[in-house]
């Protein structure tokens, strides 16, 4: 049986590849998950993700903002406060984030324990 042709998506024949090109990598989904769960400030994110550098967190936040998945708002206060929120487009990823979280809760402990032979690389 022959597979049906996939619609072209931004030069990708596979929509999963197109999605991963936009939100793939080590940190983007973690950042989106954090913001959707009320972690809205840079310092909070930095503490929640001890393996990320300031430079990388800044880059990833800018990328997510450029893609229209999050918004950056400066609150007029002294000192200046910057908060991040998820846009409606970013909210459309919520079912994916939820499914990833559910899968991780169900399987990650078993798969990432030393006795399984699989250890996290990060």
PDB file of N, CA and C in Angstrom:
ATOM      1  N   UNK A   1       0.842  -1.178   0.000  1.00  0.00           N
ATOM      2  CA  UNK A   1       0.000   0.000   0.000  1.00  0.00           C
ATOM      3  C   UNK A   1       0.886   1.240   0.000  1.00  0.00           C
ATOM      4  N   UNK A   2       0.607   2.146  -0.876  1.00  0.00           N
ATOM      5  CA  UNK A   2       1.409   3.362  -1.015  1.00  0.00           C
ATOM      6  C   UNK A   2       0.914   4.437  -0.063  1.00  0.00           C
ATOM      7  N   UNK A   3       1.861   5.164   0.571  1.00  0.00           N
ATOM      8  CA  UNK A   3       1.501   6.254   1.469  1.00  0.00           C
ATOM      9  C   UNK A   3       0.965   7.428   0.675  1.00  0.00           C
ATOM     10  N   UNK A   4      -0.056   8.109   1.199  1.00  0.00           N
ATOM     11  CA  UNK A   4      -0.557   9.299   0.497  1.00  0.00           C
ATOM     12  C   UNK A   4       0.485  10.403   0.555  1.00  0.00           C
ATOM     13  N   UNK A   5       0.545  11.268  -0.455  1.00  0.00           N
ATOM     14  CA  UNK A   5       1.518  12.366  -0.427  1.00  0.00           C
ATOM     15  C   UNK A   5       1.181  13.333   0.702  1.00  0.00           C
ATOM     16  N   UNK A   6       2.233  13.835   1.347  1.00  0.00           N
ATOM     17  CA  UNK A   6       2.063  14.812   2.417  1.00  0.00           C
ATOM     18  C   UNK A   6       2.008  16.204   1.803  1.00  0.00           C
ATOM     19  N   UNK A   7       1.166  17.080   2.332  1.00  0.00           N
ATOM     20  CA  UNK A   7       1.152  18.452   1.815  1.00  0.00           C
ATOM     21  C   UNK A   7       2.474  19.140   2.138  1.00  0.00           C
ATOM     22  N   UNK A   8       2.936  19.940   1.217  1.00  0.00           N
ATOM     23  CA  UNK A   8       4.178  20.685   1.443  1.00  0.00           C
ATOM     24  C   UNK A   8       3.936  21.742   2.513  1.00  0.00           C
ATOM     25  N   UNK A   9       4.847  21.849   3.463  1.00  0.00           N
ATOM     26  CA  UNK A   9       4.728  22.811   4.558  1.00  0.00           C
ATOM     27  C   UNK A   9       6.026  23.588   4.646  1.00  0.00           C
ATOM     28  N   UNK A  10       6.055  24.761   4.064  1.00  0.00           N
ATOM     29  CA  UNK A  10       7.240  25.598   4.128  1.00  0.00           C
ATOM     30  C   UNK A  10       8.482  24.905   3.602  1.00  0.00           C
ATOM     31  N   UNK A  11       8.346  24.122   2.557  1.00  0.00           N
ATOM     32  CA  UNK A  11       9.485  23.414   1.995  1.00  0.00           C
ATOM     33  C   UNK A  11       9.700  22.039   2.600  1.00  0.00           C
ATOM     34  N   UNK A  12       8.897  21.678   3.599  1.00  0.00           N
ATOM     35  CA  UNK A  12       9.000  20.370   4.235  1.00  0.00           C
ATOM     36  C   UNK A  12       7.858  19.491   3.744  1.00  0.00           C
ATOM     37  N   UNK A  13       8.172  18.256   3.402  1.00  0.00           N
ATOM     38  CA  UNK A  13       7.110  17.327   3.014  1.00  0.00           C
ATOM     39  C   UNK A  13       6.407  16.780   4.252  1.00  0.00           C
ATOM     40  N   UNK A  14       7.060  16.820   5.390  1.00  0.00           N
ATOM     41  CA  UNK A  14       6.491  16.281   6.617  1.00  0.00           C
ATOM     42  C   UNK A  14       6.160  17.437   7.571  1.00  0.00           C
ATOM     43  N   UNK A  15       4.906  17.585   7.980  1.00  0.00           N
ATOM     44  CA  UNK A  15       4.558  18.678   8.882  1.00  0.00           C
ATOM     45  C   UNK A  15       5.242  18.569  10.242  1.00  0.00           C
ATOM     46  N   UNK A  16       5.606  17.359  10.663  1.00  0.00           N
ATOM     47  CA  UNK A  16       6.329  17.203  11.918  1.00  0.00           C
ATOM     48  C   UNK A  16       7.699  17.868  11.812  1.00  0.00           C
ATOM     49  N   UNK A  17       8.366  17.706  10.681  1.00  0.00           N
ATOM     50  CA  UNK A  17       9.666  18.359  10.471  1.00  0.00           C
ATOM     51  C   UNK A  17       9.526  19.876  10.518  1.00  0.00           C
ATOM     52  N   UNK A  18       8.470  20.389   9.915  1.00  0.00           N
ATOM     53  CA  UNK A  18       8.246  21.842   9.929  1.00  0.00           C
ATOM     54  C   UNK A  18       8.032  22.321  11.359  1.00  0.00           C
ATOM     55  N   UNK A  19       7.240  21.577  12.131  1.00  0.00           N
ATOM     56  CA  UNK A  19       6.981  21.947  13.521  1.00  0.00           C
ATOM     57  C   UNK A  19       8.265  21.917  14.331  1.00  0.00           C
ATOM     58  N   UNK A  20       9.057  20.856  14.167  1.00  0.00           N
ATOM     59  CA  UNK A  20      10.313  20.749  14.906  1.00  0.00           C
ATOM     60  C   UNK A  20      11.295  21.842  14.514  1.00  0.00           C
ATOM     61  N   UNK A  21      11.268  22.274  13.268  1.00  0.00           N
ATOM     62  CA  UNK A  21      12.135  23.370  12.847  1.00  0.00           C
ATOM     63  C   UNK A  21      11.805  24.636  13.640  1.00  0.00           C
ATOM     64  N   UNK A  22      10.539  24.830  13.959  1.00  0.00           N
ATOM     65  CA  UNK A  22      10.110  26.027  14.684  1.00  0.00           C
ATOM     66  C   UNK A  22      10.284  25.908  16.191  1.00  0.00           C
ATOM     67  N   UNK A  23       9.890  24.777  16.776  1.00  0.00           N
ATOM     68  CA  UNK A  23       9.854  24.676  18.237  1.00  0.00           C
ATOM     69  C   UNK A  23      10.747  23.574  18.777  1.00  0.00           C
ATOM     70  N   UNK A  24      11.589  23.008  17.932  1.00  0.00           N
ATOM     71  CA  UNK A  24      12.482  21.949  18.373  1.00  0.00           C
ATOM     72  C   UNK A  24      13.648  22.503  19.167  1.00  0.00           C
ATOM     73  N   UNK A  25      14.543  21.637  19.510  1.00  0.00           N
ATOM     74  CA  UNK A  25      15.695  22.035  20.307  1.00  0.00           C
ATOM     75  C   UNK A  25      15.480  21.673  21.760  1.00  0.00           C
ATOM     76  N   UNK A  26      16.461  21.969  22.541  1.00  0.00           N
ATOM     77  CA  UNK A  26      16.468  21.539  23.942  1.00  0.00           C
ATOM     78  C   UNK A  26      15.557  22.369  24.840  1.00  0.00           C
ATOM     79  N   UNK A  27      15.334  23.642  24.533  1.00  0.00           N
ATOM     80  CA  UNK A  27      14.721  24.530  25.519  1.00  0.00           C
ATOM     81  C   UNK A  27      13.377  25.136  25.146  1.00  0.00           C
ATOM     82  N   UNK A  28      13.031  25.268  23.886  1.00  0.00           N
ATOM     83  CA  UNK A  28      11.823  26.015  23.519  1.00  0.00           C
ATOM     84  C   UNK A  28      10.554  25.459  24.161  1.00  0.00           C
ATOM     85  N   UNK A  29      10.359  24.159  24.106  1.00  0.00           N
ATOM     86  CA  UNK A  29       9.144  23.583  24.692  1.00  0.00           C
ATOM     87  C   UNK A  29       9.170  23.696  26.218  1.00  0.00           C
ATOM     88  N   UNK A  30      10.345  23.603  26.815  1.00  0.00           N
ATOM     89  CA  UNK A  30      10.458  23.750  28.271  1.00  0.00           C
ATOM     90  C   UNK A  30      10.080  25.182  28.668  1.00  0.00           C
ATOM     91  N   UNK A  31      10.543  26.146  27.897  1.00  0.00           N
ATOM     92  CA  UNK A  31      10.224  27.550  28.170  1.00  0.00           C
ATOM     93  C   UNK A  31       8.724  27.789  28.006  1.00  0.00           C
ATOM     94  N   UNK A  32       8.142  27.271  26.931  1.00  0.00           N
ATOM     95  CA  UNK A  32       6.698  27.417  26.732  1.00  0.00           C
ATOM     96  C   UNK A  32       5.922  26.772  27.874  1.00  0.00           C
ATOM     97  N   UNK A  33       6.356  25.586  28.293  1.00  0.00           N
ATOM     98  CA  UNK A  33       5.690  24.903  29.408  1.00  0.00           C
ATOM     99  C   UNK A  33       5.766  25.778  30.662  1.00  0.00           C
ATOM    100  N   UNK A  34       6.940  26.332  30.922  1.00  0.00           N
ATOM    101  CA  UNK A  34       7.118  27.167  32.117  1.00  0.00           C
ATOM    102  C   UNK A  34       6.189  28.376  32.085  1.00  0.00           C
ATOM    103  N   UNK A  35       6.138  29.056  30.955  1.00  0.00           N
ATOM    104  CA  UNK A  35       5.296  30.257  30.858  1.00  0.00           C
ATOM    105  C   UNK A  35       3.827  29.896  30.993  1.00  0.00           C
ATOM    106  N   UNK A  36       3.401  28.783  30.403  1.00  0.00           N
ATOM    107  CA  UNK A  36       1.993  28.386  30.525  1.00  0.00           C
ATOM    108  C   UNK A  36       1.644  27.969  31.952  1.00  0.00           C
ATOM    109  N   UNK A  37       2.671  27.676  32.766  1.00  0.00           N
ATOM    110  CA  UNK A  37       2.439  27.290  34.153  1.00  0.00           C
ATOM    111  C   UNK A  37       2.797  28.417  35.133  1.00  0.00           C
ATOM    112  N   UNK A  38       2.755  29.664  34.648  1.00  0.00           N
ATOM    113  CA  UNK A  38       2.870  30.814  35.531  1.00  0.00           C
ATOM    114  C   UNK A  38       4.271  31.322  35.798  1.00  0.00           C
ATOM    115  N   UNK A  39       5.262  30.745  35.165  1.00  0.00           N
ATOM    116  CA  UNK A  39       6.634  31.245  35.332  1.00  0.00           C
ATOM    117  C   UNK A  39       6.843  32.272  34.225  1.00  0.00           C
ATOM    118  N   UNK A  40       6.777  33.536  34.597  1.00  0.00           N
ATOM    119  CA  UNK A  40       6.704  34.585  33.579  1.00  0.00           C
ATOM    120  C   UNK A  40       7.899  35.532  33.559  1.00  0.00           C
ATOM    121  N   UNK A  41       8.834  35.374  34.482  1.00  0.00           N
ATOM    122  CA  UNK A  41       9.972  36.278  34.549  1.00  0.00           C
ATOM    123  C   UNK A  41      11.263  35.540  34.242  1.00  0.00           C
ATOM    124  N   UNK A  42      12.227  36.255  33.681  1.00  0.00           N
ATOM    125  CA  UNK A  42      13.503  35.691  33.259  1.00  0.00           C
ATOM    126  C   UNK A  42      14.192  34.944  34.405  1.00  0.00           C
ATOM    127  N   UNK A  43      14.294  35.585  35.563  1.00  0.00           N
ATOM    128  CA  UNK A  43      14.974  34.974  36.708  1.00  0.00           C
ATOM    129  C   UNK A  43      14.299  33.689  37.170  1.00  0.00           C
ATOM    130  N   UNK A  44      12.963  33.671  37.133  1.00  0.00           N
ATOM    131  CA  UNK A  44      12.231  32.454  37.498  1.00  0.00           C
ATOM    132  C   UNK A  44      12.588  31.315  36.544  1.00  0.00           C
ATOM    133  N   UNK A  45      12.618  31.634  35.254  1.00  0.00           N
ATOM    134  CA  UNK A  45      12.950  30.612  34.250  1.00  0.00           C
ATOM    135  C   UNK A  45      14.373  30.114  34.450  1.00  0.00           C
ATOM    136  N   UNK A  46      15.261  31.030  34.700  1.00  0.00           N
ATOM    137  CA  UNK A  46      16.664  30.682  34.901  1.00  0.00           C
ATOM    138  C   UNK A  46      16.825  29.723  36.085  1.00  0.00           C
ATOM    139  N   UNK A  47      16.111  29.980  37.173  1.00  0.00           N
ATOM    140  CA  UNK A  47      16.175  29.086  38.341  1.00  0.00           C
ATOM    141  C   UNK A  47      15.535  27.735  38.065  1.00  0.00           C
ATOM    142  N   UNK A  48      14.474  27.721  37.276  1.00  0.00           N
ATOM    143  CA  UNK A  48      13.778  26.479  36.967  1.00  0.00           C
ATOM    144  C   UNK A  48      14.590  25.583  36.028  1.00  0.00           C
ATOM    145  N   UNK A  49      15.444  26.196  35.214  1.00  0.00           N
ATOM    146  CA  UNK A  49      16.222  25.468  34.213  1.00  0.00           C
ATOM    147  C   UNK A  49      17.708  25.674  34.491  1.00  0.00           C
ATOM    148  N   UNK A  50      18.269  25.012  35.498  1.00  0.00           N
ATOM    149  CA  UNK A  50      19.652  25.296  35.882  1.00  0.00           C
ATOM    150  C   UNK A  50      20.680  24.997  34.793  1.00  0.00           C
ATOM    151  N   UNK A  51      20.346  24.224  33.786  1.00  0.00           N
ATOM    152  CA  UNK A  51      21.307  23.910  32.736  1.00  0.00           C
ATOM    153  C   UNK A  51      21.374  24.921  31.609  1.00  0.00           C
ATOM    154  N   UNK A  52      20.556  25.956  31.649  1.00  0.00           N
ATOM    155  CA  UNK A  52      20.511  26.919  30.549  1.00  0.00           C
ATOM    156  C   UNK A  52      21.328  28.164  30.921  1.00  0.00           C
ATOM    157  N   UNK A  53      22.075  28.672  29.961  1.00  0.00           N
ATOM    158  CA  UNK A  53      22.833  29.902  30.206  1.00  0.00           C
ATOM    159  C   UNK A  53      21.929  31.106  29.946  1.00  0.00           C
ATOM    160  N   UNK A  54      22.322  32.258  30.483  1.00  0.00           N
ATOM    161  CA  UNK A  54      21.564  33.490  30.249  1.00  0.00           C
ATOM    162  C   UNK A  54      21.479  33.794  28.759  1.00  0.00           C
ATOM    163  N   UNK A  55      22.593  33.581  28.071  1.00  0.00           N
ATOM    164  CA  UNK A  55      22.644  33.864  26.634  1.00  0.00           C
ATOM    165  C   UNK A  55      21.642  32.998  25.867  1.00  0.00           C
ATOM    166  N   UNK A  56      21.624  31.720  26.174  1.00  0.00           N
ATOM    167  CA  UNK A  56      20.724  30.803  25.463  1.00  0.00           C
ATOM    168  C   UNK A  56      19.271  31.108  25.825  1.00  0.00           C
ATOM    169  N   UNK A  57      18.989  31.356  27.105  1.00  0.00           N
ATOM    170  CA  UNK A  57      17.621  31.694  27.499  1.00  0.00           C
ATOM    171  C   UNK A  57      17.158  32.955  26.781  1.00  0.00           C
ATOM    172  N   UNK A  58      18.005  33.949  26.714  1.00  0.00           N
ATOM    173  CA  UNK A  58      17.668  35.186  25.998  1.00  0.00           C
ATOM    174  C   UNK A  58      17.386  34.903  24.533  1.00  0.00           C
ATOM    175  N   UNK A  59      18.257  34.118  23.886  1.00  0.00           N
ATOM    176  CA  UNK A  59      18.069  33.768  22.469  1.00  0.00           C
ATOM    177  C   UNK A  59      16.754  33.031  22.248  1.00  0.00           C
ATOM    178  N   UNK A  60      16.479  32.048  23.091  1.00  0.00           N
ATOM    179  CA  UNK A  60      15.267  31.240  22.924  1.00  0.00           C
ATOM    180  C   UNK A  60      14.014  32.088  23.142  1.00  0.00           C
ATOM    181  N   UNK A  61      14.034  32.975  24.144  1.00  0.00           N
ATOM    182  CA  UNK A  61      12.897  33.865  24.363  1.00  0.00           C
ATOM    183  C   UNK A  61      12.686  34.770  23.155  1.00  0.00           C
ATOM    184  N   UNK A  62      13.760  35.292  22.595  1.00  0.00           N
ATOM    185  CA  UNK A  62      13.640  36.153  21.403  1.00  0.00           C
ATOM    186  C   UNK A  62      13.086  35.374  20.221  1.00  0.00           C
ATOM    187  N   UNK A  63      13.557  34.127  20.041  1.00  0.00           N
ATOM    188  CA  UNK A  63      13.043  33.286  18.953  1.00  0.00           C
ATOM    189  C   UNK A  63      11.548  33.026  19.130  1.00  0.00           C
ATOM    190  N   UNK A  64      11.137  32.671  20.341  1.00  0.00           N
ATOM    191  CA  UNK A  64       9.725  32.394  20.599  1.00  0.00           C
ATOM    192  C   UNK A  64       8.874  33.642  20.383  1.00  0.00           C
ATOM    193  N   UNK A  65       9.420  34.795  20.741  1.00  0.00           N
ATOM    194  CA  UNK A  65       8.709  36.058  20.506  1.00  0.00           C
ATOM    195  C   UNK A  65       8.626  36.348  19.004  1.00  0.00           C
ATOM    196  N   UNK A  66       9.734  36.161  18.296  1.00  0.00           N
ATOM    197  CA  UNK A  66       9.758  36.387  16.845  1.00  0.00           C
ATOM    198  C   UNK A  66       8.767  35.487  16.119  1.00  0.00           C
ATOM    199  N   UNK A  67       8.614  34.255  16.595  1.00  0.00           N
ATOM    200  CA  UNK A  67       7.671  33.313  15.993  1.00  0.00           C
ATOM    201  C   UNK A  67       6.219  33.625  16.347  1.00  0.00           C
ATOM    202  N   UNK A  68       6.021  34.535  17.300  1.00  0.00           N
ATOM    203  CA  UNK A  68       4.662  34.898  17.701  1.00  0.00           C
ATOM    204  C   UNK A  68       4.053  33.939  18.703  1.00  0.00           C
ATOM    205  N   UNK A  69       4.904  33.149  19.386  1.00  0.00           N
ATOM    206  CA  UNK A  69       4.398  32.183  20.361  1.00  0.00           C
ATOM    207  C   UNK A  69       4.316  32.757  21.767  1.00  0.00           C
ATOM    208  N   UNK A  70       5.142  33.772  22.053  1.00  0.00           N
ATOM    209  CA  UNK A  70       5.090  34.456  23.346  1.00  0.00           C
ATOM    210  C   UNK A  70       5.131  35.957  23.118  1.00  0.00           C
ATOM    211  N   UNK A  71       4.736  36.688  24.148  1.00  0.00           N
ATOM    212  CA  UNK A  71       4.828  38.149  24.145  1.00  0.00           C
ATOM    213  C   UNK A  71       5.708  38.581  25.303  1.00  0.00           C
ATOM    214  N   UNK A  72       6.430  39.649  25.075  1.00  0.00           N
ATOM    215  CA  UNK A  72       7.281  40.249  26.104  1.00  0.00           C
ATOM    216  C   UNK A  72       6.675  41.597  26.455  1.00  0.00           C
ATOM    217  N   UNK A  73       6.439  41.812  27.739  1.00  0.00           N
ATOM    218  CA  UNK A  73       5.849  43.074  28.182  1.00  0.00           C
ATOM    219  C   UNK A  73       6.726  43.694  29.257  1.00  0.00           C
ATOM    220  N   UNK A  74       7.023  44.968  29.067  1.00  0.00           N
ATOM    221  CA  UNK A  74       7.777  45.707  30.073  1.00  0.00           C
ATOM    222  C   UNK A  74       6.785  46.424  30.979  1.00  0.00           C
ATOM    223  N   UNK A  75       6.879  46.132  32.270  1.00  0.00           N
ATOM    224  CA  UNK A  75       6.026  46.780  33.258  1.00  0.00           C
ATOM    225  C   UNK A  75       6.786  47.995  33.768  1.00  0.00           C
ATOM    226  N   UNK A  76       6.147  49.146  33.699  1.00  0.00           N
ATOM    227  CA  UNK A  76       6.798  50.383  34.125  1.00  0.00           C
ATOM    228  C   UNK A  76       6.898  50.404  35.644  1.00  0.00           C
ATOM    229  N   UNK A  77       8.037  49.989  36.106  1.00  0.00           N
ATOM    230  CA  UNK A  77       8.318  49.997  37.540  1.00  0.00           C
ATOM    231  C   UNK A  77       9.806  50.239  37.703  1.00  0.00           C
ATOM    232  N   UNK A  78      10.215  50.535  38.897  1.00  0.00           N
ATOM    233  CA  UNK A  78      11.637  50.678  39.169  1.00  0.00           C
ATOM    234  C   UNK A  78      12.007  49.604  40.172  1.00  0.00           C
ATOM    235  N   UNK A  79      12.869  48.692  39.831  1.00  0.00           N
ATOM    236  CA  UNK A  79      13.502  48.522  38.527  1.00  0.00           C
ATOM    237  C   UNK A  79      12.501  48.001  37.492  1.00  0.00           C
ATOM    238  N   UNK A  80      12.882  48.136  36.238  1.00  0.00           N
ATOM    239  CA  UNK A  80      12.048  47.699  35.134  1.00  0.00           C
ATOM    240  C   UNK A  80      11.790  46.202  35.255  1.00  0.00           C
ATOM    241  N   UNK A  81      10.545  45.797  35.093  1.00  0.00           N
ATOM    242  CA  UNK A  81      10.165  44.394  35.170  1.00  0.00           C
ATOM    243  C   UNK A  81       9.688  43.957  33.789  1.00  0.00           C
ATOM    244  N   UNK A  82      10.178  42.803  33.341  1.00  0.00           N
ATOM    245  CA  UNK A  82       9.762  42.229  32.069  1.00  0.00           C
ATOM    246  C   UNK A  82       9.045  40.919  32.371  1.00  0.00           C
ATOM    247  N   UNK A  83       7.853  40.772  31.801  1.00  0.00           N
ATOM    248  CA  UNK A  83       7.094  39.535  31.961  1.00  0.00           C
ATOM    249  C   UNK A  83       6.787  38.953  30.587  1.00  0.00           C
ATOM    250  N   UNK A  84       6.709  37.640  30.544  1.00  0.00           N
ATOM    251  CA  UNK A  84       6.417  36.922  29.308  1.00  0.00           C
ATOM    252  C   UNK A  84       5.080  36.218  29.452  1.00  0.00           C
ATOM    253  N   UNK A  85       4.336  36.162  28.356  1.00  0.00           N
ATOM    254  CA  UNK A  85       3.073  35.439  28.338  1.00  0.00           C
ATOM    255  C   UNK A  85       2.953  34.717  26.999  1.00  0.00           C
ATOM    256  N   UNK A  86       2.097  33.733  26.981  1.00  0.00           N
ATOM    257  CA  UNK A  86       1.885  32.938  25.773  1.00  0.00           C
ATOM    258  C   UNK A  86       0.801  33.616  24.946  1.00  0.00           C
ATOM    259  N   UNK A  87       1.028  33.712  23.644  1.00  0.00           N
ATOM    260  CA  UNK A  87       0.047  34.292  22.729  1.00  0.00           C
ATOM    261  C   UNK A  87      -1.002  33.225  22.390  1.00  0.00           C
ATOM    262  N   UNK A  88      -2.079  33.610  21.727  1.00  0.00           N
ATOM    263  CA  UNK A  88      -3.043  32.596  21.276  1.00  0.00           C
ATOM    264  C   UNK A  88      -2.391  31.520  20.398  1.00  0.00           C
ATOM    265  N   UNK A  89      -1.446  31.921  19.552  1.00  0.00           N
ATOM    266  CA  UNK A  89      -0.747  30.927  18.737  1.00  0.00           C
ATOM    267  C   UNK A  89       0.045  29.977  19.626  1.00  0.00           C
ATOM    268  N   UNK A  90       0.723  30.516  20.621  1.00  0.00           N
ATOM    269  CA  UNK A  90       1.453  29.675  21.563  1.00  0.00           C
ATOM    270  C   UNK A  90       0.521  28.767  22.350  1.00  0.00           C
ATOM    271  N   UNK A  91      -0.665  29.287  22.696  1.00  0.00           N
ATOM    272  CA  UNK A  91      -1.644  28.472  23.418  1.00  0.00           C
ATOM    273  C   UNK A  91      -2.104  27.282  22.587  1.00  0.00           C
ATOM    274  N   UNK A  92      -2.030  27.410  21.272  1.00  0.00           N
ATOM    275  CA  UNK A  92      -2.440  26.291  20.415  1.00  0.00           C
ATOM    276  C   UNK A  92      -1.505  25.089  20.573  1.00  0.00           C
ATOM    277  N   UNK A  93      -0.331  25.304  21.176  1.00  0.00           N
ATOM    278  CA  UNK A  93       0.600  24.200  21.448  1.00  0.00           C
ATOM    279  C   UNK A  93       0.301  23.494  22.763  1.00  0.00           C
ATOM    280  N   UNK A  94      -0.662  24.005  23.540  1.00  0.00           N
ATOM    281  CA  UNK A  94      -0.956  23.444  24.858  1.00  0.00           C
ATOM    282  C   UNK A  94      -1.266  21.950  24.816  1.00  0.00           C
ATOM    283  N   UNK A  95      -2.060  21.452  23.855  1.00  0.00           N
ATOM    284  CA  UNK A  95      -2.296  19.999  23.836  1.00  0.00           C
ATOM    285  C   UNK A  95      -1.013  19.188  23.631  1.00  0.00           C
ATOM    286  N   UNK A  96      -0.086  19.730  22.866  1.00  0.00           N
ATOM    287  CA  UNK A  96       1.198  19.038  22.650  1.00  0.00           C
ATOM    288  C   UNK A  96       2.001  19.047  23.941  1.00  0.00           C
ATOM    289  N   UNK A  97       2.072  20.201  24.608  1.00  0.00           N
ATOM    290  CA  UNK A  97       2.781  20.304  25.884  1.00  0.00           C
ATOM    291  C   UNK A  97       2.181  19.353  26.919  1.00  0.00           C
ATOM    292  N   UNK A  98       0.847  19.313  26.971  1.00  0.00           N
ATOM    293  CA  UNK A  98       0.174  18.434  27.925  1.00  0.00           C
ATOM    294  C   UNK A  98       0.482  16.969  27.621  1.00  0.00           C
ATOM    295  N   UNK A  99       0.430  16.602  26.352  1.00  0.00           N
ATOM    296  CA  UNK A  99       0.717  15.214  25.970  1.00  0.00           C
ATOM    297  C   UNK A  99       2.166  14.849  26.292  1.00  0.00           C
ATOM    298  N   UNK A 100       3.090  15.776  26.037  1.00  0.00           N
ATOM    299  CA  UNK A 100       4.494  15.516  26.364  1.00  0.00           C
ATOM    300  C   UNK A 100       4.681  15.362  27.869  1.00  0.00           C
ATOM    301  N   UNK A 101       4.018  16.212  28.646  1.00  0.00           N
ATOM    302  CA  UNK A 101       4.103  16.116  30.098  1.00  0.00           C
ATOM    303  C   UNK A 101       3.522  14.808  30.615  1.00  0.00           C
ATOM    304  N   UNK A 102       2.377  14.424  30.075  1.00  0.00           N
ATOM    305  CA  UNK A 102       1.751  13.165  30.487  1.00  0.00           C
ATOM    306  C   UNK A 102       2.650  11.978  30.147  1.00  0.00           C
ATOM    307  N   UNK A 103       3.219  11.994  28.946  1.00  0.00           N
ATOM    308  CA  UNK A 103       4.093  10.899  28.532  1.00  0.00           C
ATOM    309  C   UNK A 103       5.330  10.849  29.422  1.00  0.00           C
ATOM    310  N   UNK A 104       5.913  12.010  29.694  1.00  0.00           N
ATOM    311  CA  UNK A 104       7.090  12.070  30.558  1.00  0.00           C
ATOM    312  C   UNK A 104       6.795  11.563  31.958  1.00  0.00           C
ATOM    313  N   UNK A 105       5.633  11.954  32.503  1.00  0.00           N
ATOM    314  CA  UNK A 105       5.266  11.490  33.834  1.00  0.00           C
ATOM    315  C   UNK A 105       5.081   9.977  33.867  1.00  0.00           C
ATOM    316  N   UNK A 106       4.571   9.420  32.790  1.00  0.00           N
ATOM    317  CA  UNK A 106       4.306   7.987  32.749  1.00  0.00           C
ATOM    318  C   UNK A 106       5.546   7.152  32.449  1.00  0.00           C
ATOM    319  N   UNK A 107       6.494   7.694  31.685  1.00  0.00           N
ATOM    320  CA  UNK A 107       7.581   6.857  31.173  1.00  0.00           C
ATOM    321  C   UNK A 107       9.002   7.330  31.473  1.00  0.00           C
ATOM    322  N   UNK A 108       9.201   8.618  31.688  1.00  0.00           N
ATOM    323  CA  UNK A 108      10.564   9.140  31.788  1.00  0.00           C
ATOM    324  C   UNK A 108      11.340   8.537  32.947  1.00  0.00           C
ATOM    325  N   UNK A 109      10.711   8.381  34.108  1.00  0.00           N
ATOM    326  CA  UNK A 109      11.443   7.844  35.255  1.00  0.00           C
ATOM    327  C   UNK A 109      12.016   6.467  34.932  1.00  0.00           C
ATOM    328  N   UNK A 110      11.203   5.616  34.350  1.00  0.00           N
ATOM    329  CA  UNK A 110      11.648   4.266  33.995  1.00  0.00           C
ATOM    330  C   UNK A 110      12.742   4.307  32.931  1.00  0.00           C
ATOM    331  N   UNK A 111      12.585   5.171  31.959  1.00  0.00           N
ATOM    332  CA  UNK A 111      13.537   5.223  30.846  1.00  0.00           C
ATOM    333  C   UNK A 111      14.844   5.920  31.194  1.00  0.00           C
ATOM    334  N   UNK A 112      14.816   6.817  32.174  1.00  0.00           N
ATOM    335  CA  UNK A 112      15.998   7.614  32.474  1.00  0.00           C
ATOM    336  C   UNK A 112      16.715   7.180  33.753  1.00  0.00           C
ATOM    337  N   UNK A 113      16.346   6.072  34.324  1.00  0.00           N
ATOM    338  CA  UNK A 113      17.036   5.586  35.510  1.00  0.00           C
ATOM    339  C   UNK A 113      18.301   4.850  35.104  1.00  0.00           C
ATOM    340  N   UNK A 114      19.331   4.894  35.919  1.00  0.00           N
ATOM    341  CA  UNK A 114      20.587   4.216  35.573  1.00  0.00           C
ATOM    342  C   UNK A 114      20.422   2.730  35.268  1.00  0.00           C
ATOM    343  N   UNK A 115      19.506   2.044  35.920  1.00  0.00           N
ATOM    344  CA  UNK A 115      19.334   0.608  35.688  1.00  0.00           C
ATOM    345  C   UNK A 115      18.775   0.311  34.303  1.00  0.00           C
ATOM    346  N   UNK A 116      18.163   1.296  33.636  1.00  0.00           N
ATOM    347  CA  UNK A 116      17.596   1.078  32.306  1.00  0.00           C
ATOM    348  C   UNK A 116      18.658   1.171  31.216  1.00  0.00           C
ATOM    349  N   UNK A 117      19.827   1.689  31.572  1.00  0.00           N
ATOM    350  CA  UNK A 117      20.856   1.884  30.558  1.00  0.00           C
ATOM    351  C   UNK A 117      20.711   3.190  29.808  1.00  0.00           C
ATOM    352  N   UNK A 118      19.625   3.885  30.034  1.00  0.00           N
ATOM    353  CA  UNK A 118      19.378   5.181  29.402  1.00  0.00           C
ATOM    354  C   UNK A 118      19.578   6.264  30.444  1.00  0.00           C
ATOM    355  N   UNK A 119      20.451   7.178  30.181  1.00  0.00           N
ATOM    356  CA  UNK A 119      20.663   8.291  31.102  1.00  0.00           C
ATOM    357  C   UNK A 119      20.497   9.583  30.337  1.00  0.00           C
ATOM    358  N   UNK A 120      20.012  10.616  30.999  1.00  0.00           N
ATOM    359  CA  UNK A 120      19.850  11.896  30.305  1.00  0.00           C
ATOM    360  C   UNK A 120      21.178  12.464  29.881  1.00  0.00           C
ATOM    361  N   UNK A 121      21.187  13.116  28.731  1.00  0.00           N
ATOM    362  CA  UNK A 121      22.423  13.718  28.230  1.00  0.00           C
ATOM    363  C   UNK A 121      22.585  15.153  28.692  1.00  0.00           C
ATOM    364  N   UNK A 122      21.562  15.713  29.310  1.00  0.00           N
ATOM    365  CA  UNK A 122      21.642  17.107  29.735  1.00  0.00           C
ATOM    366  C   UNK A 122      21.916  17.225  31.199  1.00  0.00           C
TER     367      UNK A 122
END
